[in-house]
N, C-alpha and C. Protein backbone atom coordinates (compact mmCIF):
# COMPACT_ATOMS: atom_id res chain seq x y z
N MET A 1 -47.96 -22.55 46.34
CA MET A 1 -46.72 -21.89 45.94
C MET A 1 -46.82 -21.45 44.48
N ASP A 2 -46.64 -20.15 44.21
CA ASP A 2 -46.68 -19.65 42.85
C ASP A 2 -45.48 -20.19 42.06
N LYS A 3 -45.71 -20.43 40.77
CA LYS A 3 -44.65 -20.93 39.91
C LYS A 3 -44.27 -19.82 38.92
N VAL A 4 -43.03 -19.37 38.99
CA VAL A 4 -42.54 -18.29 38.13
C VAL A 4 -42.20 -18.86 36.75
N ASP A 5 -42.63 -18.16 35.71
CA ASP A 5 -42.26 -18.52 34.34
C ASP A 5 -41.51 -17.33 33.75
N LEU A 6 -40.18 -17.43 33.73
CA LEU A 6 -39.37 -16.31 33.27
C LEU A 6 -39.58 -16.02 31.79
N LYS A 7 -40.01 -17.00 31.00
CA LYS A 7 -40.29 -16.74 29.59
C LYS A 7 -41.43 -15.74 29.46
N ARG A 8 -42.40 -15.81 30.35
CA ARG A 8 -43.52 -14.87 30.30
C ARG A 8 -43.13 -13.53 30.90
N GLU A 9 -42.36 -13.56 31.99
CA GLU A 9 -41.97 -12.31 32.64
C GLU A 9 -41.01 -11.50 31.78
N GLN A 10 -40.21 -12.18 30.96
CA GLN A 10 -39.26 -11.48 30.08
C GLN A 10 -39.61 -11.82 28.62
N ARG A 11 -40.81 -11.49 28.28
CA ARG A 11 -41.37 -11.90 26.98
C ARG A 11 -40.53 -11.39 25.80
N ALA A 12 -39.96 -10.21 25.92
CA ALA A 12 -39.18 -9.66 24.81
C ALA A 12 -38.00 -10.55 24.44
N LEU A 13 -37.49 -11.31 25.42
CA LEU A 13 -36.35 -12.17 25.17
C LEU A 13 -36.75 -13.52 24.59
N TYR A 14 -38.01 -13.92 24.80
CA TYR A 14 -38.41 -15.28 24.45
C TYR A 14 -39.57 -15.35 23.46
N ALA A 15 -40.01 -14.21 22.94
CA ALA A 15 -41.13 -14.23 21.99
C ALA A 15 -40.88 -13.28 20.82
N PRO A 16 -39.80 -13.50 20.08
CA PRO A 16 -39.56 -12.64 18.91
C PRO A 16 -40.52 -12.99 17.78
N PRO A 17 -40.65 -12.10 16.80
CA PRO A 17 -41.53 -12.38 15.66
C PRO A 17 -40.89 -13.39 14.71
N THR A 18 -41.73 -13.97 13.87
CA THR A 18 -41.25 -14.83 12.78
C THR A 18 -41.12 -13.99 11.51
N GLY A 19 -40.04 -14.20 10.80
CA GLY A 19 -39.91 -13.56 9.51
C GLY A 19 -39.22 -12.21 9.51
N ARG A 20 -38.82 -11.71 10.66
CA ARG A 20 -38.05 -10.47 10.69
C ARG A 20 -37.17 -10.46 11.94
N TRP A 21 -36.09 -9.69 11.85
CA TRP A 21 -35.13 -9.57 12.94
C TRP A 21 -35.49 -8.38 13.81
N VAL A 22 -35.34 -8.54 15.12
CA VAL A 22 -35.58 -7.45 16.07
C VAL A 22 -34.38 -7.36 17.02
N GLU A 23 -34.16 -6.18 17.53
CA GLU A 23 -33.07 -5.97 18.48
C GLU A 23 -33.59 -6.12 19.91
N VAL A 24 -32.76 -6.73 20.76
CA VAL A 24 -33.05 -6.85 22.19
C VAL A 24 -31.76 -6.61 22.95
N THR A 25 -31.89 -6.21 24.20
CA THR A 25 -30.74 -6.12 25.09
C THR A 25 -30.86 -7.25 26.10
N VAL A 26 -29.90 -8.15 26.08
CA VAL A 26 -29.95 -9.34 26.93
C VAL A 26 -29.06 -9.09 28.15
N PRO A 27 -29.63 -9.09 29.35
CA PRO A 27 -28.83 -8.84 30.55
C PRO A 27 -27.98 -10.04 30.91
N PRO A 28 -27.01 -9.88 31.80
CA PRO A 28 -26.23 -11.04 32.26
C PRO A 28 -27.14 -12.09 32.87
N MET A 29 -26.90 -13.35 32.54
CA MET A 29 -27.69 -14.47 33.05
C MET A 29 -26.76 -15.62 33.39
N ARG A 30 -27.17 -16.40 34.41
CA ARG A 30 -26.39 -17.58 34.78
C ARG A 30 -27.02 -18.83 34.19
N TYR A 31 -26.14 -19.77 33.85
CA TYR A 31 -26.57 -21.01 33.20
C TYR A 31 -25.80 -22.19 33.78
N LEU A 32 -26.43 -23.36 33.71
CA LEU A 32 -25.70 -24.61 33.75
C LEU A 32 -25.28 -24.92 32.33
N ALA A 33 -24.06 -25.42 32.12
CA ALA A 33 -23.54 -25.56 30.77
C ALA A 33 -22.65 -26.79 30.64
N VAL A 34 -22.60 -27.32 29.41
CA VAL A 34 -21.68 -28.40 29.04
C VAL A 34 -21.13 -28.07 27.66
N ASP A 35 -19.80 -28.17 27.49
CA ASP A 35 -19.16 -27.92 26.20
C ASP A 35 -18.91 -29.22 25.46
N GLY A 36 -18.93 -29.15 24.11
CA GLY A 36 -18.64 -30.33 23.33
C GLY A 36 -18.43 -29.99 21.87
N GLN A 37 -18.29 -31.04 21.06
CA GLN A 37 -18.02 -30.85 19.63
C GLN A 37 -18.63 -32.02 18.87
N GLY A 38 -19.11 -31.73 17.64
CA GLY A 38 -19.61 -32.79 16.78
C GLY A 38 -21.06 -32.62 16.40
N ASN A 39 -21.52 -33.50 15.57
CA ASN A 39 -22.87 -33.49 15.04
C ASN A 39 -23.88 -33.77 16.16
N PRO A 40 -24.77 -32.83 16.43
CA PRO A 40 -25.73 -33.05 17.53
C PRO A 40 -26.70 -34.19 17.26
N GLU A 41 -26.83 -34.61 16.02
CA GLU A 41 -27.75 -35.70 15.70
C GLU A 41 -27.12 -37.08 15.92
N THR A 42 -25.79 -37.14 15.93
CA THR A 42 -25.13 -38.44 16.01
C THR A 42 -24.12 -38.56 17.15
N ALA A 43 -23.63 -37.44 17.68
CA ALA A 43 -22.58 -37.49 18.71
C ALA A 43 -23.18 -37.89 20.05
N GLN A 44 -22.65 -38.96 20.65
CA GLN A 44 -23.13 -39.38 21.96
C GLN A 44 -22.86 -38.31 23.01
N ALA A 45 -21.77 -37.57 22.82
CA ALA A 45 -21.43 -36.51 23.77
C ALA A 45 -22.54 -35.47 23.87
N TYR A 46 -23.20 -35.21 22.74
CA TYR A 46 -24.29 -34.24 22.75
C TYR A 46 -25.47 -34.77 23.56
N GLN A 47 -25.86 -36.01 23.32
CA GLN A 47 -26.96 -36.61 24.06
C GLN A 47 -26.65 -36.65 25.56
N ASP A 48 -25.41 -36.98 25.90
CA ASP A 48 -25.01 -37.03 27.31
C ASP A 48 -25.07 -35.64 27.94
N ALA A 49 -24.67 -34.62 27.18
CA ALA A 49 -24.69 -33.26 27.70
C ALA A 49 -26.10 -32.82 28.03
N VAL A 50 -27.03 -33.08 27.11
CA VAL A 50 -28.43 -32.67 27.32
C VAL A 50 -29.02 -33.40 28.52
N ALA A 51 -28.76 -34.70 28.64
CA ALA A 51 -29.29 -35.47 29.77
C ALA A 51 -28.76 -34.94 31.09
N ALA A 52 -27.46 -34.64 31.15
CA ALA A 52 -26.88 -34.12 32.39
C ALA A 52 -27.45 -32.76 32.74
N LEU A 53 -27.65 -31.92 31.74
CA LEU A 53 -28.20 -30.59 32.00
C LEU A 53 -29.58 -30.66 32.62
N PHE A 54 -30.45 -31.48 32.05
CA PHE A 54 -31.81 -31.54 32.59
C PHE A 54 -31.85 -32.22 33.96
N THR A 55 -30.98 -33.20 34.18
CA THR A 55 -30.90 -33.82 35.51
C THR A 55 -30.53 -32.77 36.55
N ALA A 56 -29.53 -31.97 36.26
CA ALA A 56 -29.10 -30.93 37.20
C ALA A 56 -30.13 -29.82 37.32
N ALA A 57 -30.76 -29.44 36.19
CA ALA A 57 -31.74 -28.34 36.22
C ALA A 57 -32.93 -28.69 37.10
N TYR A 58 -33.40 -29.92 37.03
CA TYR A 58 -34.54 -30.30 37.86
C TYR A 58 -34.13 -30.47 39.32
N ALA A 59 -32.90 -30.89 39.56
CA ALA A 59 -32.41 -30.95 40.95
C ALA A 59 -32.38 -29.55 41.55
N ALA A 60 -31.96 -28.56 40.76
CA ALA A 60 -31.93 -27.17 41.25
C ALA A 60 -33.35 -26.66 41.51
N LYS A 61 -34.28 -27.01 40.64
CA LYS A 61 -35.67 -26.59 40.82
C LYS A 61 -36.24 -27.14 42.13
N PHE A 62 -36.03 -28.43 42.39
CA PHE A 62 -36.55 -29.03 43.62
C PHE A 62 -35.89 -28.43 44.85
N ALA A 63 -34.59 -28.13 44.77
CA ALA A 63 -33.91 -27.49 45.89
C ALA A 63 -34.46 -26.09 46.14
N SER A 64 -34.80 -25.36 45.07
CA SER A 64 -35.39 -24.04 45.23
C SER A 64 -36.73 -24.12 45.96
N ARG A 65 -37.52 -25.11 45.61
CA ARG A 65 -38.81 -25.31 46.29
C ARG A 65 -38.61 -25.63 47.77
N GLN A 66 -37.71 -26.54 48.04
CA GLN A 66 -37.55 -27.04 49.40
C GLN A 66 -36.80 -26.06 50.31
N GLN A 67 -35.77 -25.43 49.77
CA GLN A 67 -34.92 -24.59 50.61
C GLN A 67 -35.31 -23.12 50.60
N LEU A 68 -35.86 -22.65 49.48
CA LEU A 68 -36.16 -21.23 49.34
C LEU A 68 -37.65 -20.93 49.24
N GLY A 69 -38.46 -21.97 49.09
CA GLY A 69 -39.90 -21.76 48.96
C GLY A 69 -40.28 -21.06 47.67
N ARG A 70 -39.47 -21.25 46.62
CA ARG A 70 -39.73 -20.60 45.33
C ARG A 70 -39.73 -21.65 44.24
N ASP A 71 -40.81 -21.67 43.46
CA ASP A 71 -40.93 -22.64 42.37
C ASP A 71 -40.88 -21.89 41.04
N TYR A 72 -40.49 -22.60 39.99
CA TYR A 72 -40.38 -21.98 38.68
C TYR A 72 -40.44 -23.04 37.60
N VAL A 73 -40.74 -22.58 36.40
CA VAL A 73 -40.73 -23.44 35.23
C VAL A 73 -39.29 -23.58 34.75
N VAL A 74 -38.82 -24.81 34.60
CA VAL A 74 -37.47 -25.02 34.08
C VAL A 74 -37.40 -24.44 32.68
N LEU A 75 -36.37 -23.65 32.44
CA LEU A 75 -36.25 -22.95 31.16
C LEU A 75 -35.77 -23.88 30.05
N PRO A 76 -36.00 -23.49 28.80
CA PRO A 76 -35.68 -24.40 27.69
C PRO A 76 -34.18 -24.58 27.46
N LEU A 77 -33.86 -25.65 26.79
CA LEU A 77 -32.49 -25.91 26.37
C LEU A 77 -32.06 -24.82 25.40
N GLN A 78 -30.79 -24.43 25.54
CA GLN A 78 -30.21 -23.43 24.64
C GLN A 78 -28.85 -23.93 24.16
N GLY A 79 -28.36 -23.33 23.09
CA GLY A 79 -27.06 -23.73 22.58
C GLY A 79 -26.31 -22.56 21.98
N LEU A 80 -25.01 -22.49 22.27
CA LEU A 80 -24.09 -21.61 21.57
C LEU A 80 -23.33 -22.47 20.57
N TRP A 81 -23.18 -21.99 19.35
CA TRP A 81 -22.59 -22.79 18.29
C TRP A 81 -21.51 -21.99 17.57
N TRP A 82 -20.40 -22.66 17.25
CA TRP A 82 -19.34 -22.00 16.50
C TRP A 82 -18.51 -23.05 15.76
N ALA A 83 -17.68 -22.57 14.84
CA ALA A 83 -16.79 -23.44 14.06
C ALA A 83 -15.66 -22.59 13.52
N GLU A 84 -14.58 -23.24 13.15
CA GLU A 84 -13.48 -22.51 12.53
C GLU A 84 -13.94 -21.81 11.26
N ASP A 85 -14.79 -22.47 10.50
CA ASP A 85 -15.39 -21.88 9.31
C ASP A 85 -16.89 -21.76 9.56
N MET A 86 -17.34 -20.53 9.85
CA MET A 86 -18.74 -20.34 10.21
C MET A 86 -19.70 -20.62 9.06
N SER A 87 -19.20 -20.70 7.83
CA SER A 87 -20.09 -21.02 6.71
C SER A 87 -20.63 -22.43 6.82
N THR A 88 -20.02 -23.29 7.66
CA THR A 88 -20.53 -24.65 7.82
C THR A 88 -21.91 -24.67 8.45
N PHE A 89 -22.33 -23.56 9.07
CA PHE A 89 -23.69 -23.52 9.61
C PHE A 89 -24.70 -23.31 8.49
N ARG A 90 -24.32 -22.64 7.45
CA ARG A 90 -25.22 -22.47 6.31
C ARG A 90 -25.26 -23.74 5.47
N THR A 91 -24.10 -24.41 5.36
CA THR A 91 -24.03 -25.64 4.56
C THR A 91 -24.39 -26.88 5.36
N ARG A 92 -24.58 -26.72 6.69
CA ARG A 92 -25.02 -27.79 7.59
C ARG A 92 -23.99 -28.93 7.67
N GLU A 93 -22.70 -28.59 7.67
CA GLU A 93 -21.62 -29.56 7.88
C GLU A 93 -21.44 -29.74 9.39
N LYS A 94 -22.27 -30.56 9.98
CA LYS A 94 -22.43 -30.60 11.44
C LYS A 94 -21.25 -31.20 12.18
N ASP A 95 -20.47 -32.05 11.53
CA ASP A 95 -19.32 -32.63 12.21
C ASP A 95 -18.27 -31.57 12.55
N CYS A 96 -18.35 -30.42 11.91
CA CYS A 96 -17.38 -29.34 12.14
C CYS A 96 -17.76 -28.44 13.29
N TRP A 97 -18.93 -28.63 13.86
CA TRP A 97 -19.46 -27.68 14.83
C TRP A 97 -18.94 -27.95 16.24
N SER A 98 -18.72 -26.87 16.97
CA SER A 98 -18.51 -26.92 18.42
C SER A 98 -19.73 -26.29 19.09
N TRP A 99 -20.00 -26.69 20.32
CA TRP A 99 -21.21 -26.20 20.98
C TRP A 99 -21.04 -26.10 22.49
N ARG A 100 -21.81 -25.25 23.05
CA ARG A 100 -22.00 -25.17 24.51
C ARG A 100 -23.49 -25.22 24.75
N MET A 101 -23.97 -26.32 25.31
CA MET A 101 -25.39 -26.45 25.62
C MET A 101 -25.65 -25.90 27.02
N LEU A 102 -26.79 -25.22 27.17
CA LEU A 102 -27.06 -24.49 28.40
C LEU A 102 -28.53 -24.59 28.81
N ILE A 103 -28.76 -24.41 30.10
CA ILE A 103 -30.10 -24.15 30.62
C ILE A 103 -29.98 -22.99 31.60
N ARG A 104 -30.72 -21.93 31.35
CA ARG A 104 -30.67 -20.75 32.20
C ARG A 104 -31.21 -21.07 33.59
N GLN A 105 -30.62 -20.43 34.60
CA GLN A 105 -31.03 -20.61 35.98
C GLN A 105 -31.53 -19.28 36.57
N PRO A 106 -32.59 -19.31 37.38
CA PRO A 106 -33.08 -18.07 38.00
C PRO A 106 -32.00 -17.39 38.83
N ASP A 107 -32.06 -16.06 38.86
CA ASP A 107 -31.03 -15.29 39.57
C ASP A 107 -30.97 -15.60 41.05
N TRP A 108 -32.10 -16.04 41.63
CA TRP A 108 -32.12 -16.23 43.08
C TRP A 108 -31.45 -17.52 43.55
N LEU A 109 -31.10 -18.41 42.63
CA LEU A 109 -30.45 -19.64 43.05
C LEU A 109 -29.00 -19.36 43.47
N THR A 110 -28.61 -19.91 44.60
CA THR A 110 -27.26 -19.69 45.10
C THR A 110 -26.27 -20.61 44.41
N ASP A 111 -25.00 -20.26 44.50
CA ASP A 111 -23.96 -21.14 43.97
C ASP A 111 -24.00 -22.50 44.66
N GLU A 112 -24.34 -22.50 45.94
CA GLU A 112 -24.40 -23.76 46.68
C GLU A 112 -25.47 -24.69 46.11
N ILE A 113 -26.64 -24.13 45.77
CA ILE A 113 -27.71 -24.93 45.19
C ILE A 113 -27.29 -25.48 43.83
N LEU A 114 -26.68 -24.63 43.01
CA LEU A 114 -26.28 -25.07 41.68
C LEU A 114 -25.15 -26.10 41.74
N THR A 115 -24.21 -25.90 42.65
CA THR A 115 -23.13 -26.87 42.80
C THR A 115 -23.68 -28.21 43.28
N ALA A 116 -24.63 -28.17 44.19
CA ALA A 116 -25.25 -29.41 44.67
C ALA A 116 -26.02 -30.10 43.54
N ALA A 117 -26.65 -29.32 42.67
CA ALA A 117 -27.37 -29.90 41.53
C ALA A 117 -26.41 -30.59 40.57
N ILE A 118 -25.24 -29.99 40.36
CA ILE A 118 -24.22 -30.62 39.51
C ILE A 118 -23.74 -31.92 40.15
N ASP A 119 -23.51 -31.90 41.44
CA ASP A 119 -23.08 -33.12 42.15
C ASP A 119 -24.15 -34.20 42.05
N HIS A 120 -25.41 -33.78 42.12
CA HIS A 120 -26.52 -34.74 42.02
C HIS A 120 -26.50 -35.43 40.65
N ALA A 121 -26.29 -34.64 39.60
CA ALA A 121 -26.26 -35.22 38.26
C ALA A 121 -25.12 -36.22 38.13
N ALA A 122 -23.98 -35.91 38.71
CA ALA A 122 -22.85 -36.83 38.65
C ALA A 122 -23.14 -38.12 39.42
N ARG A 123 -23.78 -37.98 40.59
CA ARG A 123 -24.10 -39.17 41.40
C ARG A 123 -25.15 -40.04 40.73
N LYS A 124 -26.05 -39.40 39.96
CA LYS A 124 -27.10 -40.14 39.27
C LYS A 124 -26.57 -40.89 38.04
N GLY A 125 -25.30 -40.72 37.77
CA GLY A 125 -24.70 -41.45 36.68
C GLY A 125 -24.80 -40.78 35.33
N ALA A 126 -25.20 -39.50 35.29
CA ALA A 126 -25.24 -38.78 34.02
C ALA A 126 -23.83 -38.76 33.44
N ALA A 127 -23.69 -39.26 32.21
CA ALA A 127 -22.36 -39.44 31.64
C ALA A 127 -21.57 -38.13 31.56
N ALA A 128 -22.26 -37.01 31.35
CA ALA A 128 -21.58 -35.72 31.25
C ALA A 128 -21.65 -34.94 32.56
N GLY A 129 -22.10 -35.58 33.63
CA GLY A 129 -22.26 -34.88 34.91
C GLY A 129 -20.98 -34.21 35.38
N GLY A 130 -19.86 -34.87 35.15
CA GLY A 130 -18.59 -34.32 35.59
C GLY A 130 -18.12 -33.13 34.78
N HIS A 131 -18.80 -32.86 33.65
CA HIS A 131 -18.40 -31.75 32.79
C HIS A 131 -19.32 -30.54 32.94
N LEU A 132 -20.32 -30.64 33.79
CA LEU A 132 -21.21 -29.51 34.02
C LEU A 132 -20.47 -28.37 34.68
N GLN A 133 -20.86 -27.15 34.33
CA GLN A 133 -20.27 -25.97 34.94
C GLN A 133 -21.32 -24.87 35.07
N ILE A 134 -21.03 -23.91 35.90
CA ILE A 134 -21.87 -22.72 36.05
C ILE A 134 -21.20 -21.59 35.29
N VAL A 135 -21.93 -20.97 34.35
CA VAL A 135 -21.35 -19.89 33.56
C VAL A 135 -22.31 -18.70 33.56
N THR A 136 -21.76 -17.53 33.32
CA THR A 136 -22.55 -16.32 33.15
C THR A 136 -22.33 -15.78 31.75
N LEU A 137 -23.42 -15.51 31.03
CA LEU A 137 -23.34 -14.88 29.71
C LEU A 137 -23.84 -13.44 29.83
N ASP A 138 -23.08 -12.53 29.25
CA ASP A 138 -23.48 -11.13 29.19
C ASP A 138 -23.45 -10.72 27.72
N GLU A 139 -24.54 -11.01 27.01
CA GLU A 139 -24.56 -10.82 25.57
C GLU A 139 -24.88 -9.39 25.15
N GLY A 140 -25.60 -8.66 25.98
CA GLY A 140 -25.89 -7.27 25.65
C GLY A 140 -26.75 -7.12 24.41
N ARG A 141 -26.28 -6.29 23.48
CA ARG A 141 -27.07 -5.99 22.28
C ARG A 141 -27.10 -7.19 21.34
N CYS A 142 -28.29 -7.63 20.98
CA CYS A 142 -28.47 -8.80 20.12
C CYS A 142 -29.57 -8.53 19.11
N VAL A 143 -29.57 -9.31 18.04
CA VAL A 143 -30.73 -9.37 17.15
C VAL A 143 -31.23 -10.81 17.16
N GLN A 144 -32.53 -10.97 17.02
CA GLN A 144 -33.09 -12.32 17.08
C GLN A 144 -34.37 -12.40 16.27
N THR A 145 -34.72 -13.64 15.94
CA THR A 145 -35.97 -13.92 15.23
C THR A 145 -36.44 -15.30 15.66
N LEU A 146 -37.69 -15.63 15.35
CA LEU A 146 -38.22 -16.97 15.62
C LEU A 146 -38.23 -17.75 14.31
N HIS A 147 -37.53 -18.87 14.32
CA HIS A 147 -37.54 -19.77 13.16
C HIS A 147 -38.53 -20.90 13.44
N VAL A 148 -39.45 -21.12 12.53
CA VAL A 148 -40.40 -22.22 12.63
C VAL A 148 -40.07 -23.22 11.54
N GLY A 149 -39.73 -24.44 11.95
CA GLY A 149 -39.39 -25.47 10.98
C GLY A 149 -38.17 -26.26 11.42
N SER A 150 -37.71 -27.10 10.54
CA SER A 150 -36.57 -27.95 10.81
C SER A 150 -35.32 -27.14 11.09
N TYR A 151 -34.46 -27.66 11.94
CA TYR A 151 -33.17 -27.01 12.18
C TYR A 151 -32.38 -26.89 10.88
N ASP A 152 -32.51 -27.87 10.00
CA ASP A 152 -31.77 -27.85 8.76
C ASP A 152 -32.28 -26.81 7.78
N ASP A 153 -33.40 -26.19 8.08
CA ASP A 153 -33.94 -25.14 7.22
C ASP A 153 -33.55 -23.74 7.70
N GLU A 154 -32.64 -23.66 8.67
CA GLU A 154 -32.23 -22.36 9.20
C GLU A 154 -31.31 -21.60 8.25
N GLY A 155 -30.69 -22.30 7.31
CA GLY A 155 -29.69 -21.70 6.45
C GLY A 155 -30.11 -20.40 5.78
N PRO A 156 -31.25 -20.35 5.09
CA PRO A 156 -31.65 -19.10 4.45
C PRO A 156 -31.86 -17.95 5.44
N THR A 157 -32.36 -18.27 6.63
CA THR A 157 -32.57 -17.23 7.63
C THR A 157 -31.23 -16.66 8.09
N LEU A 158 -30.24 -17.53 8.30
CA LEU A 158 -28.92 -17.07 8.73
C LEU A 158 -28.22 -16.31 7.61
N THR A 159 -28.44 -16.74 6.37
CA THR A 159 -27.88 -16.00 5.23
C THR A 159 -28.47 -14.61 5.17
N ASP A 160 -29.77 -14.49 5.39
CA ASP A 160 -30.43 -13.19 5.41
C ASP A 160 -29.84 -12.30 6.49
N LEU A 161 -29.56 -12.88 7.66
CA LEU A 161 -28.98 -12.10 8.75
C LEU A 161 -27.63 -11.53 8.35
N HIS A 162 -26.74 -12.40 7.88
CA HIS A 162 -25.36 -11.99 7.65
C HIS A 162 -25.16 -11.22 6.34
N ASP A 163 -25.96 -11.54 5.33
CA ASP A 163 -25.76 -10.90 4.03
C ASP A 163 -26.62 -9.67 3.82
N ARG A 164 -27.72 -9.56 4.55
CA ARG A 164 -28.61 -8.41 4.34
C ARG A 164 -28.79 -7.56 5.59
N TYR A 165 -29.34 -8.19 6.67
CA TYR A 165 -29.75 -7.38 7.82
C TYR A 165 -28.56 -6.68 8.50
N LEU A 166 -27.51 -7.42 8.82
CA LEU A 166 -26.40 -6.81 9.54
C LEU A 166 -25.72 -5.71 8.72
N PRO A 167 -25.37 -5.93 7.44
CA PRO A 167 -24.78 -4.82 6.68
C PRO A 167 -25.71 -3.62 6.56
N ALA A 168 -27.00 -3.87 6.36
CA ALA A 168 -27.95 -2.77 6.18
C ALA A 168 -28.07 -1.91 7.43
N HIS A 169 -27.82 -2.51 8.60
CA HIS A 169 -27.96 -1.77 9.86
C HIS A 169 -26.61 -1.45 10.48
N HIS A 170 -25.54 -1.60 9.71
CA HIS A 170 -24.18 -1.27 10.17
C HIS A 170 -23.83 -2.01 11.46
N LEU A 171 -24.10 -3.31 11.43
CA LEU A 171 -23.82 -4.16 12.58
C LEU A 171 -22.87 -5.27 12.18
N SER A 172 -22.13 -5.75 13.17
CA SER A 172 -21.22 -6.88 12.95
C SER A 172 -21.47 -7.91 14.04
N PRO A 173 -21.43 -9.20 13.70
CA PRO A 173 -21.64 -10.23 14.73
C PRO A 173 -20.46 -10.29 15.70
N THR A 174 -20.76 -10.61 16.94
CA THR A 174 -19.75 -10.82 17.95
C THR A 174 -20.21 -11.96 18.84
N GLY A 175 -19.31 -12.74 19.39
CA GLY A 175 -19.74 -13.88 20.21
C GLY A 175 -20.28 -14.99 19.34
N GLN A 176 -20.91 -15.96 20.00
CA GLN A 176 -21.39 -17.15 19.29
C GLN A 176 -22.84 -17.03 18.84
N HIS A 177 -23.13 -17.74 17.76
CA HIS A 177 -24.52 -17.92 17.33
C HIS A 177 -25.27 -18.65 18.46
N HIS A 178 -26.47 -18.15 18.80
CA HIS A 178 -27.19 -18.61 19.98
C HIS A 178 -28.57 -19.09 19.55
N GLU A 179 -28.95 -20.28 19.98
CA GLU A 179 -30.27 -20.82 19.69
C GLU A 179 -30.98 -21.19 20.99
N ILE A 180 -32.29 -20.94 21.03
CA ILE A 180 -33.13 -21.29 22.18
C ILE A 180 -34.24 -22.18 21.66
N TYR A 181 -34.33 -23.38 22.21
CA TYR A 181 -35.23 -24.40 21.67
C TYR A 181 -36.54 -24.40 22.46
N LEU A 182 -37.56 -23.76 21.88
CA LEU A 182 -38.85 -23.65 22.54
C LEU A 182 -39.67 -24.92 22.41
N SER A 183 -39.29 -25.81 21.48
CA SER A 183 -40.01 -27.06 21.26
C SER A 183 -39.15 -28.23 21.70
N ASP A 184 -39.82 -29.31 22.08
CA ASP A 184 -39.14 -30.57 22.39
C ASP A 184 -39.04 -31.36 21.09
N ALA A 185 -37.81 -31.48 20.58
CA ALA A 185 -37.62 -32.14 19.28
C ALA A 185 -38.04 -33.60 19.30
N ARG A 186 -38.12 -34.20 20.49
CA ARG A 186 -38.52 -35.60 20.57
C ARG A 186 -40.02 -35.77 20.36
N ARG A 187 -40.78 -34.71 20.56
CA ARG A 187 -42.24 -34.80 20.51
C ARG A 187 -42.88 -33.89 19.48
N THR A 188 -42.07 -33.17 18.71
CA THR A 188 -42.59 -32.17 17.78
C THR A 188 -42.14 -32.50 16.37
N ALA A 189 -43.05 -32.43 15.43
CA ALA A 189 -42.70 -32.65 14.02
C ALA A 189 -41.71 -31.59 13.58
N PRO A 190 -40.73 -31.95 12.75
CA PRO A 190 -39.72 -30.97 12.34
C PRO A 190 -40.30 -29.68 11.78
N ALA A 191 -41.40 -29.77 11.03
CA ALA A 191 -41.98 -28.58 10.42
C ALA A 191 -42.57 -27.62 11.44
N LYS A 192 -42.79 -28.10 12.66
CA LYS A 192 -43.42 -27.27 13.69
C LYS A 192 -42.46 -26.85 14.80
N LEU A 193 -41.18 -27.19 14.69
CA LEU A 193 -40.21 -26.79 15.70
C LEU A 193 -40.10 -25.27 15.76
N ARG A 194 -40.03 -24.74 16.97
CA ARG A 194 -39.92 -23.30 17.19
C ARG A 194 -38.58 -23.02 17.87
N THR A 195 -37.73 -22.26 17.19
CA THR A 195 -36.38 -22.00 17.68
C THR A 195 -36.06 -20.52 17.56
N ILE A 196 -35.63 -19.92 18.66
CA ILE A 196 -35.15 -18.54 18.62
C ILE A 196 -33.71 -18.55 18.12
N LEU A 197 -33.44 -17.76 17.08
CA LEU A 197 -32.09 -17.58 16.56
C LEU A 197 -31.62 -16.20 17.04
N ARG A 198 -30.55 -16.18 17.79
CA ARG A 198 -30.06 -14.93 18.40
C ARG A 198 -28.59 -14.73 18.07
N GLN A 199 -28.21 -13.49 17.78
CA GLN A 199 -26.83 -13.17 17.49
C GLN A 199 -26.42 -11.88 18.20
N PRO A 200 -25.44 -11.93 19.11
CA PRO A 200 -24.89 -10.68 19.66
C PRO A 200 -24.23 -9.87 18.56
N VAL A 201 -24.35 -8.54 18.66
CA VAL A 201 -23.84 -7.66 17.60
C VAL A 201 -23.17 -6.43 18.21
N VAL A 202 -22.34 -5.79 17.37
CA VAL A 202 -21.76 -4.49 17.72
C VAL A 202 -21.97 -3.54 16.55
N ASP A 203 -21.98 -2.27 16.85
CA ASP A 203 -22.20 -1.23 15.84
C ASP A 203 -20.91 -0.98 15.07
N THR A 204 -21.02 -0.97 13.74
CA THR A 204 -19.84 -0.70 12.92
C THR A 204 -19.95 0.63 12.18
N ALA A 205 -20.96 1.41 12.48
CA ALA A 205 -21.15 2.69 11.80
C ALA A 205 -20.00 3.63 12.13
N PRO A 206 -19.53 4.41 11.15
CA PRO A 206 -18.42 5.33 11.41
C PRO A 206 -18.84 6.45 12.36
């Protein structure tokens, strides 16, 4: 059975350059998701959300193999982040942050398979299993870059986006700040973490 890797098939979405911003058009995609609030390094709710997501994501993968005869690489953890004062992302005041953690699901998975995967996570005792949901994101026009290094070192890159790149290109941010975690933070040194920073945008040119 061939194993599909959507990161390779849609390379433009998952392999941006380091050190510069590029534009991409992101089509509508379905995700398993959990919403929460607080410091991702200390909030138990965040750890519970991630555990529930991966429990459900692997249940969906196994169901796809067994029921549909289609295998795939489970996609990386992603996060949408926002706050009442968005400057807290530059200053790293993490207790102020709200988040929606997500794992993208292949288009061919049915609602029945995803619902069963959510039920599986709840039965397995995942603390956030009851908060899992199926969502669709339609981000459209976005700019993104690859950040290499600690999450806490993202500040200058985000400052460059909002203070230089967006004004220079007559763009304005819309929607939530989006991160895609290509590295496993449990097994990767902070200096080597690879994270896609993505921001949906709209044109503000007259």
